[in-house]
Amino acid sequence: MVSKLAGLLLVMGLSLTSALASATTSPPPVLATTGMIADLAERVGGECIAVTGLMGPGVDPHLYQPSAADVRRFQHAELVLYNGLGLEGQLDPVLKRFGQRRVTLAVAEAAATNGPRQTLPSADGRSVDPHVWMDARFWAQAITPVSQALADVAPDCAQAIEARAQRYRRELLALDQWMAESIATIPSAQRILMTAHDAFGYFGRAYDIEVRGIQGISTSAEAGVGDIQAMATLILERQVPAVFVESTINPRTIEAVIEAVRERGFRVKKGGMLYGDALGQPGTPVDTLVGMLSYNVQTITQALGGTPRPLPAIVLP
């Protein structure tokens, strides 16, 4: 792993000067590490920028390893937008080296500047939860720093970028209210969200639902037998009606929990697939952050016994 990263960084250092000389300026290329950040940049930047997403649907950012092709994408970009807060763990050395030569912005860290960060236990004590986008209102705080960064690389579009930023902010705030109202319809005794890993901490805090993940904040650590049995015990004690798999994580841990519960004489259903660390396939209803969050809330609410409210007009496709 270390030697691979060292080689990639060497390639970056040798060819960065020539890349600077040949960088395109119309529209300026912007690289976004995750689909959620790419979606934000596209919504705010529009035709004024050319966004490239590094990690596609189904890709786990916690485990993503950079390739030689990624280095070329970094070299070509005039602006790099990444999550930060430890989400792109394997990319950290590349981002650190690249930040010395290019403009970069840690989007989640910028969003979390004006609000309380979520922390959860980890192997080294407590780690900051990087899944800020799960709280629509919290994620709206990222719009201002992203729009400012985009206006810096596309100054002729500053006014248009600001107009799109204002509209997207209104959309996320309307979505936030709808999410809260929908989750509130779940009976309080059943308002517990059980998933494969702790990606929904901000979601739970914002929308008043208890969240339990088999794994921790990162998926780099495997869940053990004890984790599975503890989750099964909680399901039995609380009579939880459904558990959920995630699009970027192998469903075997959730399936193991379901089986452990069945062996104890209780049945818990698989409530559906949720999108946590990545958006869905292009052209589907979950290929944007708004679509992903609205789909997740509808899936969770229905599986746990609630009734989703009608979506507000501003967030309809």
Protein backbone atom coordinates (compact mmCIF):
# COMPACT_ATOMS: atom_id res chain seq x y z
CA MET A 1 0.00 0.00 0.00
CA VAL A 2 2.72 2.48 1.06
CA SER A 3 4.90 1.78 -1.98
CA LYS A 4 1.94 2.17 -4.31
CA LEU A 5 1.06 5.57 -2.87
CA ALA A 6 4.71 6.63 -2.96
CA GLY A 7 4.87 5.79 -6.66
CA LEU A 8 1.72 7.72 -7.39
CA LEU A 9 2.99 10.74 -5.52
CA LEU A 10 6.27 10.58 -7.43
CA VAL A 11 4.41 10.54 -10.74
CA MET A 12 2.41 13.53 -9.56
CA GLY A 13 5.51 15.48 -8.60
CA LEU A 14 7.31 14.80 -11.90
CA SER A 15 4.46 15.82 -14.17
CA LEU A 16 2.69 18.53 -12.18
CA THR A 17 4.59 21.42 -13.79
CA SER A 18 3.55 20.44 -17.31
CA ALA A 19 -0.02 19.90 -16.15
CA LEU A 20 -0.12 23.44 -14.76
CA ALA A 21 0.92 24.84 -18.11
CA SER A 22 -1.70 22.90 -20.07
CA ALA A 23 -4.69 23.23 -17.71
CA THR A 24 -7.90 24.17 -19.47
CA THR A 25 -9.74 27.30 -18.42
CA SER A 26 -13.05 27.21 -20.31
CA PRO A 27 -14.90 25.79 -18.53
CA PRO A 28 -12.48 25.14 -15.67
CA PRO A 29 -12.19 21.45 -14.69
CA VAL A 30 -13.22 20.61 -11.14
CA LEU A 31 -12.56 17.25 -9.49
CA ALA A 32 -14.89 16.00 -6.75
CA THR A 33 -14.02 12.89 -4.78
CA THR A 34 -17.56 11.65 -3.99
CA GLY A 35 -20.87 11.71 -5.80
CA MET A 36 -22.46 13.90 -3.14
CA ILE A 37 -19.79 16.57 -3.62
CA ALA A 38 -19.90 16.27 -7.42
CA ASP A 39 -23.67 16.76 -7.27
CA LEU A 40 -23.26 19.88 -5.13
CA ALA A 41 -20.66 21.32 -7.53
CA GLU A 42 -22.83 20.62 -10.57
CA ARG A 43 -25.95 22.12 -8.99
CA VAL A 44 -24.13 25.30 -8.02
CA GLY A 45 -21.66 25.60 -10.90
CA GLY A 46 -23.92 24.57 -13.77
CA GLU A 47 -22.43 24.99 -17.24
CA CYS A 48 -19.73 27.30 -15.86
CA ILE A 49 -17.57 24.37 -14.73
CA ALA A 50 -16.74 20.85 -15.85
CA VAL A 51 -17.11 18.47 -12.93
CA THR A 52 -15.48 15.06 -12.80
CA GLY A 53 -16.44 12.65 -10.03
CA LEU A 54 -13.70 10.37 -8.75
CA MET A 55 -15.81 7.75 -6.98
CA GLY A 56 -18.87 6.42 -8.76
CA PRO A 57 -22.01 4.61 -7.58
CA GLY A 58 -21.41 1.71 -5.20
CA VAL A 59 -17.86 2.82 -4.35
CA ASP A 60 -16.94 2.85 -0.66
CA PRO A 61 -14.90 6.04 -0.02
CA HIS A 62 -13.47 4.64 3.21
CA LEU A 63 -11.65 1.92 1.25
CA TYR A 64 -11.00 3.69 -2.07
CA GLN A 65 -7.41 3.41 -3.28
CA PRO A 66 -6.04 5.94 -5.80
CA SER A 67 -4.84 4.80 -9.21
CA ALA A 68 -2.51 6.28 -11.83
CA ALA A 69 -5.58 7.52 -13.71
CA ASP A 70 -6.65 9.38 -10.58
CA VAL A 71 -3.30 11.20 -10.49
CA ARG A 72 -3.92 12.45 -14.03
CA ARG A 73 -7.37 13.69 -12.98
CA PHE A 74 -5.82 15.56 -10.07
CA GLN A 75 -3.24 17.13 -12.37
CA HIS A 76 -5.89 18.30 -14.82
CA ALA A 77 -8.18 19.91 -12.24
CA GLU A 78 -8.07 23.58 -11.31
CA LEU A 79 -10.03 22.90 -8.14
CA VAL A 80 -10.35 19.75 -6.05
CA LEU A 81 -13.35 19.32 -3.76
CA TYR A 82 -13.14 16.52 -1.21
CA ASN A 83 -15.08 15.58 1.91
CA GLY A 84 -12.41 15.52 4.59
CA LEU A 85 -12.96 14.49 8.21
CA GLY A 86 -11.20 11.22 7.38
CA LEU A 87 -13.72 9.92 4.83
CA GLU A 88 -11.16 9.44 2.02
CA GLY A 89 -8.63 7.70 4.23
CA GLN A 90 -6.55 6.09 1.48
CA LEU A 91 -6.48 9.34 -0.50
CA ASP A 92 -5.16 11.50 2.34
CA PRO A 93 -1.47 11.39 1.25
CA VAL A 94 -2.40 12.34 -2.32
CA LEU A 95 -4.69 15.14 -1.16
CA LYS A 96 -2.02 16.50 1.16
CA ARG A 97 0.62 16.54 -1.58
CA PHE A 98 -1.77 17.91 -4.16
CA GLY A 99 -2.95 20.69 -1.85
CA GLN A 100 0.51 22.24 -2.03
CA ARG A 101 0.14 22.86 -5.77
CA ARG A 102 -3.59 23.21 -6.41
CA VAL A 103 -6.62 24.82 -4.78
CA THR A 104 -8.47 22.28 -2.64
CA LEU A 105 -11.50 22.50 -0.37
CA ALA A 106 -12.56 20.02 2.32
CA VAL A 107 -16.31 20.41 1.85
CA ALA A 108 -17.59 18.57 4.94
CA GLU A 109 -15.05 20.31 7.15
CA ALA A 110 -16.21 23.66 5.76
CA ALA A 111 -19.85 22.74 6.41
CA ALA A 112 -19.07 21.61 9.95
CA THR A 113 -17.37 24.91 10.82
CA ASN A 114 -20.70 26.48 11.78
CA GLY A 115 -22.29 23.51 13.53
CA PRO A 116 -21.59 20.78 16.07
CA ARG A 117 -19.72 17.83 14.63
CA GLN A 118 -20.90 14.31 15.37
CA THR A 119 -18.36 12.04 17.07
CA LEU A 120 -18.53 8.30 17.59
CA PRO A 121 -16.31 5.73 19.33
CA SER A 122 -13.51 4.29 17.21
CA ALA A 123 -10.50 2.03 17.62
CA ASP A 124 -8.30 5.05 18.51
CA GLY A 125 -10.73 6.75 20.88
CA ARG A 126 -13.37 9.00 19.29
CA SER A 127 -13.47 10.00 15.63
CA VAL A 128 -15.35 12.80 13.93
CA ASP A 129 -18.20 11.47 11.80
CA PRO A 130 -17.58 12.51 8.17
CA HIS A 131 -21.12 11.76 6.89
CA VAL A 132 -22.29 15.38 7.09
CA TRP A 133 -24.46 15.16 3.96
CA MET A 134 -26.99 12.99 5.83
CA ASP A 135 -28.35 16.15 7.50
CA ALA A 136 -29.81 18.26 4.68
CA ARG A 137 -29.73 21.49 6.72
CA PHE A 138 -26.14 20.85 7.82
CA TRP A 139 -25.08 20.05 4.25
CA ALA A 140 -26.64 23.33 3.08
CA GLN A 141 -23.86 25.05 5.03
CA ALA A 142 -21.39 23.67 2.46
CA ILE A 143 -23.05 25.64 -0.34
CA THR A 144 -21.41 28.97 0.51
CA PRO A 145 -17.76 27.78 0.62
CA VAL A 146 -18.26 25.64 -2.49
CA SER A 147 -19.91 28.46 -4.44
CA GLN A 148 -17.10 30.82 -3.42
CA ALA A 149 -14.46 28.33 -4.55
CA LEU A 150 -16.25 27.81 -7.88
CA ALA A 151 -16.58 31.57 -8.43
CA ASP A 152 -12.84 31.92 -7.87
CA VAL A 153 -12.06 29.54 -10.76
CA ALA A 154 -14.92 30.85 -12.94
CA PRO A 155 -15.14 34.56 -12.03
CA ASP A 156 -17.23 35.47 -15.09
CA CYS A 157 -19.97 33.20 -13.73
CA ALA A 158 -19.96 34.51 -10.16
CA GLN A 159 -23.46 35.98 -10.40
CA ALA A 160 -24.98 32.87 -11.97
CA ILE A 161 -23.22 30.65 -9.41
CA GLU A 162 -24.66 32.71 -6.54
CA ALA A 163 -28.18 32.51 -7.99
CA ARG A 164 -27.96 28.72 -8.30
CA ALA A 165 -26.52 28.50 -4.79
CA GLN A 166 -29.49 30.38 -3.34
CA ARG A 167 -31.98 28.13 -5.10
CA TYR A 168 -30.20 24.95 -4.03
CA ARG A 169 -30.12 26.20 -0.44
CA ARG A 170 -33.89 26.73 -0.50
CA GLU A 171 -34.31 23.23 -1.91
CA LEU A 172 -32.23 21.58 0.82
CA LEU A 173 -34.03 23.48 3.58
CA ALA A 174 -37.42 22.42 2.20
CA LEU A 175 -36.15 18.83 1.98
CA ASP A 176 -34.90 19.04 5.57
CA GLN A 177 -38.35 19.98 6.85
CA TRP A 178 -40.00 17.22 4.82
CA MET A 179 -37.54 14.64 6.15
CA ALA A 180 -38.27 15.62 9.74
CA GLU A 181 -42.04 15.52 9.22
CA SER A 182 -41.91 12.11 7.53
CA ILE A 183 -39.69 10.45 10.14
CA ALA A 184 -41.95 11.85 12.87
CA THR A 185 -44.80 9.65 11.59
CA ILE A 186 -42.94 6.49 12.68
CA PRO A 187 -44.30 5.22 16.02
CA SER A 188 -41.83 6.25 18.71
CA ALA A 189 -41.23 2.66 19.88
CA GLN A 190 -40.17 1.67 16.36
CA ARG A 191 -38.10 4.75 15.58
CA ILE A 192 -34.75 2.97 15.47
CA LEU A 193 -32.59 2.71 12.36
CA MET A 194 -30.28 -0.31 12.16
CA THR A 195 -27.73 -0.38 9.33
CA ALA A 196 -24.44 -1.98 8.37
CA HIS A 197 -22.22 0.88 9.57
CA ASP A 198 -22.46 4.23 11.36
CA ALA A 199 -23.16 6.45 8.35
CA PHE A 200 -26.42 7.86 9.70
CA GLY A 201 -25.31 9.68 12.85
CA TYR A 202 -26.07 13.17 11.56
CA PHE A 203 -29.33 11.84 10.12
CA GLY A 204 -30.40 10.44 13.46
CA ARG A 205 -29.51 13.60 15.36
CA ALA A 206 -31.30 15.88 12.89
CA TYR A 207 -34.47 13.83 12.44
CA ASP A 208 -34.96 12.35 15.90
CA ILE A 209 -34.40 8.68 15.17
CA GLU A 210 -32.11 6.35 17.10
CA VAL A 211 -29.34 4.93 14.90
CA ARG A 212 -27.34 1.73 15.43
CA GLY A 213 -24.65 0.46 13.06
CA ILE A 214 -22.96 -2.93 13.19
CA GLN A 215 -19.64 -1.44 12.14
CA GLY A 216 -18.21 1.92 13.19
CA ILE A 217 -17.81 5.16 11.25
CA SER A 218 -15.42 3.54 8.79
CA THR A 219 -15.97 0.25 6.98
CA SER A 220 -12.28 -0.61 7.18
CA ALA A 221 -12.91 -2.68 10.34
CA GLU A 222 -14.85 -5.91 9.98
CA ALA A 223 -17.83 -6.62 12.23
CA GLY A 224 -17.29 -9.53 14.58
CA VAL A 225 -19.57 -12.24 15.94
CA GLY A 226 -20.04 -10.22 19.11
CA ASP A 227 -21.23 -7.19 17.13
CA ILE A 228 -23.78 -9.32 15.29
CA GLN A 229 -25.07 -10.99 18.44
CA ALA A 230 -25.34 -7.63 20.23
CA MET A 231 -27.42 -6.24 17.39
CA ALA A 232 -29.64 -9.33 17.42
CA THR A 233 -30.21 -8.93 21.15
CA LEU A 234 -31.20 -5.28 20.70
CA ILE A 235 -33.66 -6.21 17.95
CA LEU A 236 -35.30 -8.75 20.23
CA GLU A 237 -35.48 -6.37 23.18
CA ARG A 238 -36.95 -3.53 21.11
CA GLN A 239 -39.01 -5.68 18.70
CA VAL A 240 -37.47 -3.81 15.76
CA PRO A 241 -39.49 -4.53 12.60
CA ALA A 242 -36.78 -3.94 9.96
CA VAL A 243 -33.04 -3.56 9.35
CA PHE A 244 -31.36 -2.02 6.33
CA VAL A 245 -28.51 -2.82 3.96
CA GLU A 246 -26.35 -0.16 2.29
CA SER A 247 -25.45 0.19 -1.37
CA THR A 248 -21.67 0.30 -0.79
CA ILE A 249 -21.42 -2.49 1.78
CA ASN A 250 -21.65 -6.25 1.43
CA PRO A 251 -25.03 -7.30 2.89
CA ARG A 252 -23.61 -10.35 4.64
CA THR A 253 -23.40 -8.65 8.09
CA ILE A 254 -27.05 -7.56 7.98
CA GLU A 255 -28.05 -11.00 6.73
CA ALA A 256 -26.09 -12.55 9.61
CA VAL A 257 -28.04 -10.39 12.06
CA ILE A 258 -31.35 -11.42 10.48
CA GLU A 259 -30.34 -15.08 10.79
CA ALA A 260 -29.22 -14.65 14.41
CA VAL A 261 -32.59 -13.11 15.24
CA ARG A 262 -34.43 -15.92 13.44
CA GLU A 263 -32.54 -18.53 15.44
CA ARG A 264 -33.92 -16.90 18.59
CA GLY A 265 -37.50 -17.22 17.39
CA PHE A 266 -38.15 -13.70 16.10
CA ARG A 267 -38.34 -12.43 12.53
CA VAL A 268 -36.99 -9.06 11.41
CA LYS A 269 -37.36 -8.11 7.77
CA LYS A 270 -34.85 -6.51 5.46
CA GLY A 271 -36.30 -3.01 5.15
CA GLY A 272 -34.59 -2.19 1.88
CA MET A 273 -31.34 -0.76 0.55
CA LEU A 274 -30.20 2.65 1.74
CA TYR A 275 -27.68 4.95 0.08
CA GLY A 276 -25.10 6.17 2.56
CA ASP A 277 -21.59 6.69 1.18
CA ALA A 278 -22.43 6.94 -2.54
CA LEU A 279 -25.21 8.03 -4.86
CA GLY A 280 -27.06 5.64 -7.16
CA GLN A 281 -26.54 4.94 -10.85
CA PRO A 282 -26.90 7.86 -13.31
CA GLY A 283 -30.41 8.23 -14.62
CA THR A 284 -32.03 6.74 -11.51
CA PRO A 285 -34.02 8.65 -8.86
CA VAL A 286 -31.06 8.37 -6.46
CA ASP A 287 -28.35 9.91 -8.66
CA THR A 288 -28.52 13.23 -6.77
CA LEU A 289 -28.24 14.04 -3.08
CA VAL A 290 -31.85 15.26 -2.94
CA GLY A 291 -33.02 12.08 -4.64
CA MET A 292 -30.89 9.91 -2.37
CA LEU A 293 -32.10 11.51 0.85
CA SER A 294 -35.76 11.52 -0.19
CA TYR A 295 -35.53 7.86 -1.24
CA ASN A 296 -33.83 6.91 2.05
CA VAL A 297 -36.49 8.67 4.12
CA GLN A 298 -39.34 7.08 2.18
CA THR A 299 -37.75 3.62 2.54
CA ILE A 300 -37.05 4.02 6.27
CA THR A 301 -40.40 5.55 7.10
CA GLN A 302 -42.46 2.90 5.32
CA ALA A 303 -40.41 -0.04 6.66
CA LEU A 304 -40.68 1.16 10.26
CA GLY A 305 -44.42 1.80 10.18
CA GLY A 306 -44.70 5.47 9.26
CA THR A 307 -46.22 7.33 6.30
CA PRO A 308 -43.97 9.63 4.22
CA ARG A 309 -45.37 13.10 3.65
CA PRO A 310 -45.86 14.40 0.08
CA LEU A 311 -42.64 15.84 -1.27
CA PRO A 312 -42.57 19.65 -1.51
CA ALA A 313 -42.81 20.99 -5.07
CA ILE A 314 -39.33 22.54 -4.99
CA VAL A 315 -37.65 19.14 -4.58
CA LEU A 316 -39.74 17.13 -7.03
CA PRO A 317 -37.79 15.82 -10.05
